[in-house]
Structures are given as structure tokens and as C-alpha cells.
Amino acid sequence: MIDLRSDTVTLPSHSIRQAISRAQLGDDVFGEDPTVNALQERAAEITGKEAALF
């Protein structure tokens, strides 16, 4: 059975833990998080809008 109540009732798999441990880190508030930056760039491409609002 799949429990969809909340992400807080699930445990990460081994592959998720590995991905987390290898993730590049940075402060998204200062534009230094490469994952957030890539997500914003992709969203801008999909929507045809600018990457940032502020």
C-alpha cells in the first residue's frame, strides 16, 4: 500500500540518501543554490518568462 498522507511518514530510500549526500549546496536567497537556479531556469524556459521576479 502507498501512504500519501504526508512526506513526513515516509523514509528515504538508499538511492535518495545517496542523491542527497552528493547534492551541491548553496543559499537560494543569495542565488547560490545550483539546484534552485536550474529549476528557475527550466521554469523560465517552459513558461517563456524571465527567470526571476525580483
PDB file of N, CA and C in Angstrom:
ATOM      1  N   MET A   1       0.838  -1.173   0.000  1.00  0.00           N
ATOM      2  CA  MET A   1       0.000   0.000   0.000  1.00  0.00           C
ATOM      3  C   MET A   1       0.890   1.246   0.000  1.00  0.00           C
ATOM      4  N   ILE A   2       0.482   2.255  -0.723  1.00  0.00           N
ATOM      5  CA  ILE A   2       1.193   3.528  -0.775  1.00  0.00           C
ATOM      6  C   ILE A   2       0.499   4.513   0.152  1.00  0.00           C
ATOM      7  N   ASP A   3       1.266   5.093   1.054  1.00  0.00           N
ATOM      8  CA  ASP A   3       0.731   6.049   2.023  1.00  0.00           C
ATOM      9  C   ASP A   3       1.004   7.465   1.516  1.00  0.00           C
ATOM     10  N   LEU A   4      -0.018   8.168   1.090  1.00  0.00           N
ATOM     11  CA  LEU A   4       0.128   9.512   0.530  1.00  0.00           C
ATOM     12  C   LEU A   4      -0.293  10.612   1.496  1.00  0.00           C
ATOM     13  N   ARG A   5      -0.393  10.286   2.782  1.00  0.00           N
ATOM     14  CA  ARG A   5      -0.827  11.299   3.753  1.00  0.00           C
ATOM     15  C   ARG A   5       0.145  12.462   3.840  1.00  0.00           C
ATOM     16  N   SER A   6       1.427  12.159   3.906  1.00  0.00           N
ATOM     17  CA  SER A   6       2.411  13.217   4.104  1.00  0.00           C
ATOM     18  C   SER A   6       3.796  12.675   3.805  1.00  0.00           C
ATOM     19  N   ASP A   7       4.700  13.560   3.402  1.00  0.00           N
ATOM     20  CA  ASP A   7       6.081  13.128   3.187  1.00  0.00           C
ATOM     21  C   ASP A   7       6.795  12.866   4.508  1.00  0.00           C
ATOM     22  N   THR A   8       6.192  13.264   5.619  1.00  0.00           N
ATOM     23  CA  THR A   8       6.837  13.046   6.915  1.00  0.00           C
ATOM     24  C   THR A   8       6.634  11.631   7.445  1.00  0.00           C
ATOM     25  N   VAL A   9       5.765  10.842   6.814  1.00  0.00           N
ATOM     26  CA  VAL A   9       5.555   9.465   7.252  1.00  0.00           C
ATOM     27  C   VAL A   9       6.345   8.466   6.413  1.00  0.00           C
ATOM     28  N   THR A  10       7.126   8.947   5.472  1.00  0.00           N
ATOM     29  CA  THR A  10       7.918   8.070   4.619  1.00  0.00           C
ATOM     30  C   THR A  10       9.387   8.124   5.013  1.00  0.00           C
ATOM     31  N   LEU A  11      10.113   7.099   4.619  1.00  0.00           N
ATOM     32  CA  LEU A  11      11.553   7.058   4.835  1.00  0.00           C
ATOM     33  C   LEU A  11      12.252   7.093   3.482  1.00  0.00           C
ATOM     34  N   PRO A  12      13.348   7.839   3.369  1.00  0.00           N
ATOM     35  CA  PRO A  12      14.054   7.901   2.088  1.00  0.00           C
ATOM     36  C   PRO A  12      14.742   6.577   1.775  1.00  0.00           C
ATOM     37  N   SER A  13      14.740   6.216   0.507  1.00  0.00           N
ATOM     38  CA  SER A  13      15.431   5.002   0.076  1.00  0.00           C
ATOM     39  C   SER A  13      16.938   5.248   0.065  1.00  0.00           C
ATOM     40  N   HIS A  14      17.682   4.179  -0.131  1.00  0.00           N
ATOM     41  CA  HIS A  14      19.142   4.295  -0.186  1.00  0.00           C
ATOM     42  C   HIS A  14      19.568   5.230  -1.325  1.00  0.00           C
ATOM     43  N   SER A  15      18.922   5.111  -2.480  1.00  0.00           N
ATOM     44  CA  SER A  15      19.298   5.957  -3.618  1.00  0.00           C
ATOM     45  C   SER A  15      18.984   7.429  -3.353  1.00  0.00           C
ATOM     46  N   ILE A  16      17.910   7.711  -2.650  1.00  0.00           N
ATOM     47  CA  ILE A  16      17.589   9.095  -2.294  1.00  0.00           C
ATOM     48  C   ILE A  16      18.626   9.643  -1.327  1.00  0.00           C
ATOM     49  N   ARG A  17      19.026   8.836  -0.352  1.00  0.00           N
ATOM     50  CA  ARG A  17      20.058   9.280   0.591  1.00  0.00           C
ATOM     51  C   ARG A  17      21.377   9.559  -0.123  1.00  0.00           C
ATOM     52  N   GLN A  18      21.710   8.726  -1.094  1.00  0.00           N
ATOM     53  CA  GLN A  18      22.926   8.965  -1.870  1.00  0.00           C
ATOM     54  C   GLN A  18      22.822  10.274  -2.647  1.00  0.00           C
ATOM     55  N   ALA A  19      21.685  10.512  -3.272  1.00  0.00           N
ATOM     56  CA  ALA A  19      21.495  11.746  -4.036  1.00  0.00           C
ATOM     57  C   ALA A  19      21.601  12.968  -3.133  1.00  0.00           C
ATOM     58  N   ILE A  20      21.032  12.884  -1.950  1.00  0.00           N
ATOM     59  CA  ILE A  20      21.104  13.994  -1.001  1.00  0.00           C
ATOM     60  C   ILE A  20      22.547  14.254  -0.596  1.00  0.00           C
ATOM     61  N   SER A  21      23.296  13.187  -0.348  1.00  0.00           N
ATOM     62  CA  SER A  21      24.683  13.358   0.103  1.00  0.00           C
ATOM     63  C   SER A  21      25.577  13.933  -0.984  1.00  0.00           C
ATOM     64  N   ARG A  22      25.201  13.749  -2.259  1.00  0.00           N
ATOM     65  CA  ARG A  22      26.008  14.257  -3.373  1.00  0.00           C
ATOM     66  C   ARG A  22      25.532  15.612  -3.897  1.00  0.00           C
ATOM     67  N   ALA A  23      24.413  16.088  -3.405  1.00  0.00           N
ATOM     68  CA  ALA A  23      23.837  17.331  -3.919  1.00  0.00           C
ATOM     69  C   ALA A  23      24.737  18.527  -3.618  1.00  0.00           C
ATOM     70  N   GLN A  24      24.837  19.416  -4.599  1.00  0.00           N
ATOM     71  CA  GLN A  24      25.573  20.658  -4.391  1.00  0.00           C
ATOM     72  C   GLN A  24      24.704  21.582  -3.551  1.00  0.00           C
ATOM     73  N   LEU A  25      25.338  22.286  -2.632  1.00  0.00           N
ATOM     74  CA  LEU A  25      24.595  23.146  -1.719  1.00  0.00           C
ATOM     75  C   LEU A  25      24.914  24.612  -1.958  1.00  0.00           C
ATOM     76  N   GLY A  26      23.986  25.465  -1.592  1.00  0.00           N
ATOM     77  CA  GLY A  26      24.171  26.904  -1.668  1.00  0.00           C
ATOM     78  C   GLY A  26      22.945  27.589  -1.109  1.00  0.00           C
ATOM     79  N   ASP A  27      23.065  28.863  -0.855  1.00  0.00           N
ATOM     80  CA  ASP A  27      21.967  29.642  -0.289  1.00  0.00           C
ATOM     81  C   ASP A  27      21.081  30.144  -1.420  1.00  0.00           C
ATOM     82  N   ASP A  28      19.832  29.668  -1.451  1.00  0.00           N
ATOM     83  CA  ASP A  28      18.937  30.078  -2.534  1.00  0.00           C
ATOM     84  C   ASP A  28      18.554  31.543  -2.435  1.00  0.00           C
ATOM     85  N   VAL A  29      18.560  32.122  -1.248  1.00  0.00           N
ATOM     86  CA  VAL A  29      18.206  33.532  -1.077  1.00  0.00           C
ATOM     87  C   VAL A  29      19.210  34.426  -1.802  1.00  0.00           C
ATOM     88  N   PHE A  30      20.474  34.020  -1.802  1.00  0.00           N
ATOM     89  CA  PHE A  30      21.525  34.802  -2.452  1.00  0.00           C
ATOM     90  C   PHE A  30      21.839  34.301  -3.859  1.00  0.00           C
ATOM     91  N   GLY A  31      21.002  33.402  -4.394  1.00  0.00           N
ATOM     92  CA  GLY A  31      21.197  32.896  -5.743  1.00  0.00           C
ATOM     93  C   GLY A  31      22.373  31.950  -5.872  1.00  0.00           C
ATOM     94  N   GLU A  32      22.748  31.286  -4.781  1.00  0.00           N
ATOM     95  CA  GLU A  32      23.925  30.424  -4.774  1.00  0.00           C
ATOM     96  C   GLU A  32      23.595  28.934  -4.768  1.00  0.00           C
ATOM     97  N   ASP A  33      22.321  28.557  -4.824  1.00  0.00           N
ATOM     98  CA  ASP A  33      21.947  27.146  -4.820  1.00  0.00           C
ATOM     99  C   ASP A  33      21.789  26.680  -6.267  1.00  0.00           C
ATOM    100  N   PRO A  34      22.698  25.825  -6.753  1.00  0.00           N
ATOM    101  CA  PRO A  34      22.648  25.419  -8.148  1.00  0.00           C
ATOM    102  C   PRO A  34      21.382  24.645  -8.509  1.00  0.00           C
ATOM    103  N   THR A  35      20.813  23.909  -7.581  1.00  0.00           N
ATOM    104  CA  THR A  35      19.592  23.161  -7.866  1.00  0.00           C
ATOM    105  C   THR A  35      18.415  24.106  -8.046  1.00  0.00           C
ATOM    106  N   VAL A  36      18.287  25.080  -7.173  1.00  0.00           N
ATOM    107  CA  VAL A  36      17.211  26.069  -7.281  1.00  0.00           C
ATOM    108  C   VAL A  36      17.400  26.897  -8.548  1.00  0.00           C
ATOM    109  N   ASN A  37      18.631  27.281  -8.836  1.00  0.00           N
ATOM    110  CA  ASN A  37      18.900  28.068 -10.040  1.00  0.00           C
ATOM    111  C   ASN A  37      18.507  27.302 -11.297  1.00  0.00           C
ATOM    112  N   ALA A  38      18.845  26.009 -11.347  1.00  0.00           N
ATOM    113  CA  ALA A  38      18.489  25.190 -12.507  1.00  0.00           C
ATOM    114  C   ALA A  38      16.976  25.054 -12.631  1.00  0.00           C
ATOM    115  N   LEU A  39      16.290  24.885 -11.515  1.00  0.00           N
ATOM    116  CA  LEU A  39      14.831  24.787 -11.530  1.00  0.00           C
ATOM    117  C   LEU A  39      14.206  26.081 -12.035  1.00  0.00           C
ATOM    118  N   GLN A  40      14.701  27.219 -11.569  1.00  0.00           N
ATOM    119  CA  GLN A  40      14.168  28.505 -12.012  1.00  0.00           C
ATOM    120  C   GLN A  40      14.429  28.727 -13.499  1.00  0.00           C
ATOM    121  N   GLU A  41      15.609  28.349 -13.963  1.00  0.00           N
ATOM    122  CA  GLU A  41      15.920  28.498 -15.385  1.00  0.00           C
ATOM    123  C   GLU A  41      15.012  27.620 -16.237  1.00  0.00           C
ATOM    124  N   ARG A  42      14.779  26.395 -15.789  1.00  0.00           N
ATOM    125  CA  ARG A  42      13.909  25.478 -16.534  1.00  0.00           C
ATOM    126  C   ARG A  42      12.473  25.996 -16.555  1.00  0.00           C
ATOM    127  N   ALA A  43      12.002  26.495 -15.420  1.00  0.00           N
ATOM    128  CA  ALA A  43      10.649  27.054 -15.361  1.00  0.00           C
ATOM    129  C   ALA A  43      10.524  28.252 -16.298  1.00  0.00           C
ATOM    130  N   ALA A  44      11.566  29.066 -16.368  1.00  0.00           N
ATOM    131  CA  ALA A  44      11.548  30.221 -17.267  1.00  0.00           C
ATOM    132  C   ALA A  44      11.487  29.767 -18.722  1.00  0.00           C
ATOM    133  N   GLU A  45      12.229  28.711 -19.060  1.00  0.00           N
ATOM    134  CA  GLU A  45      12.192  28.172 -20.424  1.00  0.00           C
ATOM    135  C   GLU A  45      10.800  27.667 -20.773  1.00  0.00           C
ATOM    136  N   ILE A  46      10.211  26.909 -19.867  1.00  0.00           N
ATOM    137  CA  ILE A  46       8.897  26.314 -20.115  1.00  0.00           C
ATOM    138  C   ILE A  46       7.824  27.380 -20.277  1.00  0.00           C
ATOM    139  N   THR A  47       7.872  28.409 -19.436  1.00  0.00           N
ATOM    140  CA  THR A  47       6.826  29.434 -19.452  1.00  0.00           C
ATOM    141  C   THR A  47       7.117  30.594 -20.391  1.00  0.00           C
ATOM    142  N   GLY A  48       8.364  30.683 -20.861  1.00  0.00           N
ATOM    143  CA  GLY A  48       8.731  31.802 -21.725  1.00  0.00           C
ATOM    144  C   GLY A  48       8.831  33.116 -20.972  1.00  0.00           C
ATOM    145  N   LYS A  49       9.073  33.029 -19.683  1.00  0.00           N
ATOM    146  CA  LYS A  49       9.168  34.223 -18.836  1.00  0.00           C
ATOM    147  C   LYS A  49      10.586  34.401 -18.318  1.00  0.00           C
ATOM    148  N   GLU A  50      10.829  35.544 -17.662  1.00  0.00           N
ATOM    149  CA  GLU A  50      12.126  35.778 -17.046  1.00  0.00           C
ATOM    150  C   GLU A  50      12.319  34.823 -15.877  1.00  0.00           C
ATOM    151  N   ALA A  51      13.572  34.521 -15.556  1.00  0.00           N
ATOM    152  CA  ALA A  51      13.873  33.551 -14.505  1.00  0.00           C
ATOM    153  C   ALA A  51      13.567  34.084 -13.116  1.00  0.00           C
ATOM    154  N   ALA A  52      13.623  35.382 -12.930  1.00  0.00           N
ATOM    155  CA  ALA A  52      13.424  35.934 -11.590  1.00  0.00           C
ATOM    156  C   ALA A  52      12.390  37.050 -11.622  1.00  0.00           C
ATOM    157  N   LEU A  53      11.691  37.201 -10.524  1.00  0.00           N
ATOM    158  CA  LEU A  53      10.704  38.272 -10.414  1.00  0.00           C
ATOM    159  C   LEU A  53      11.250  39.491  -9.712  1.00  0.00           C
ATOM    160  N   PHE A  54      12.252  39.309  -8.854  1.00  0.00           N
ATOM    161  CA  PHE A  54      12.769  40.414  -8.052  1.00  0.00           C
ATOM    162  C   PHE A  54      14.232  40.634  -8.329  1.00  0.00           C
TER     163      PHE A  54
END
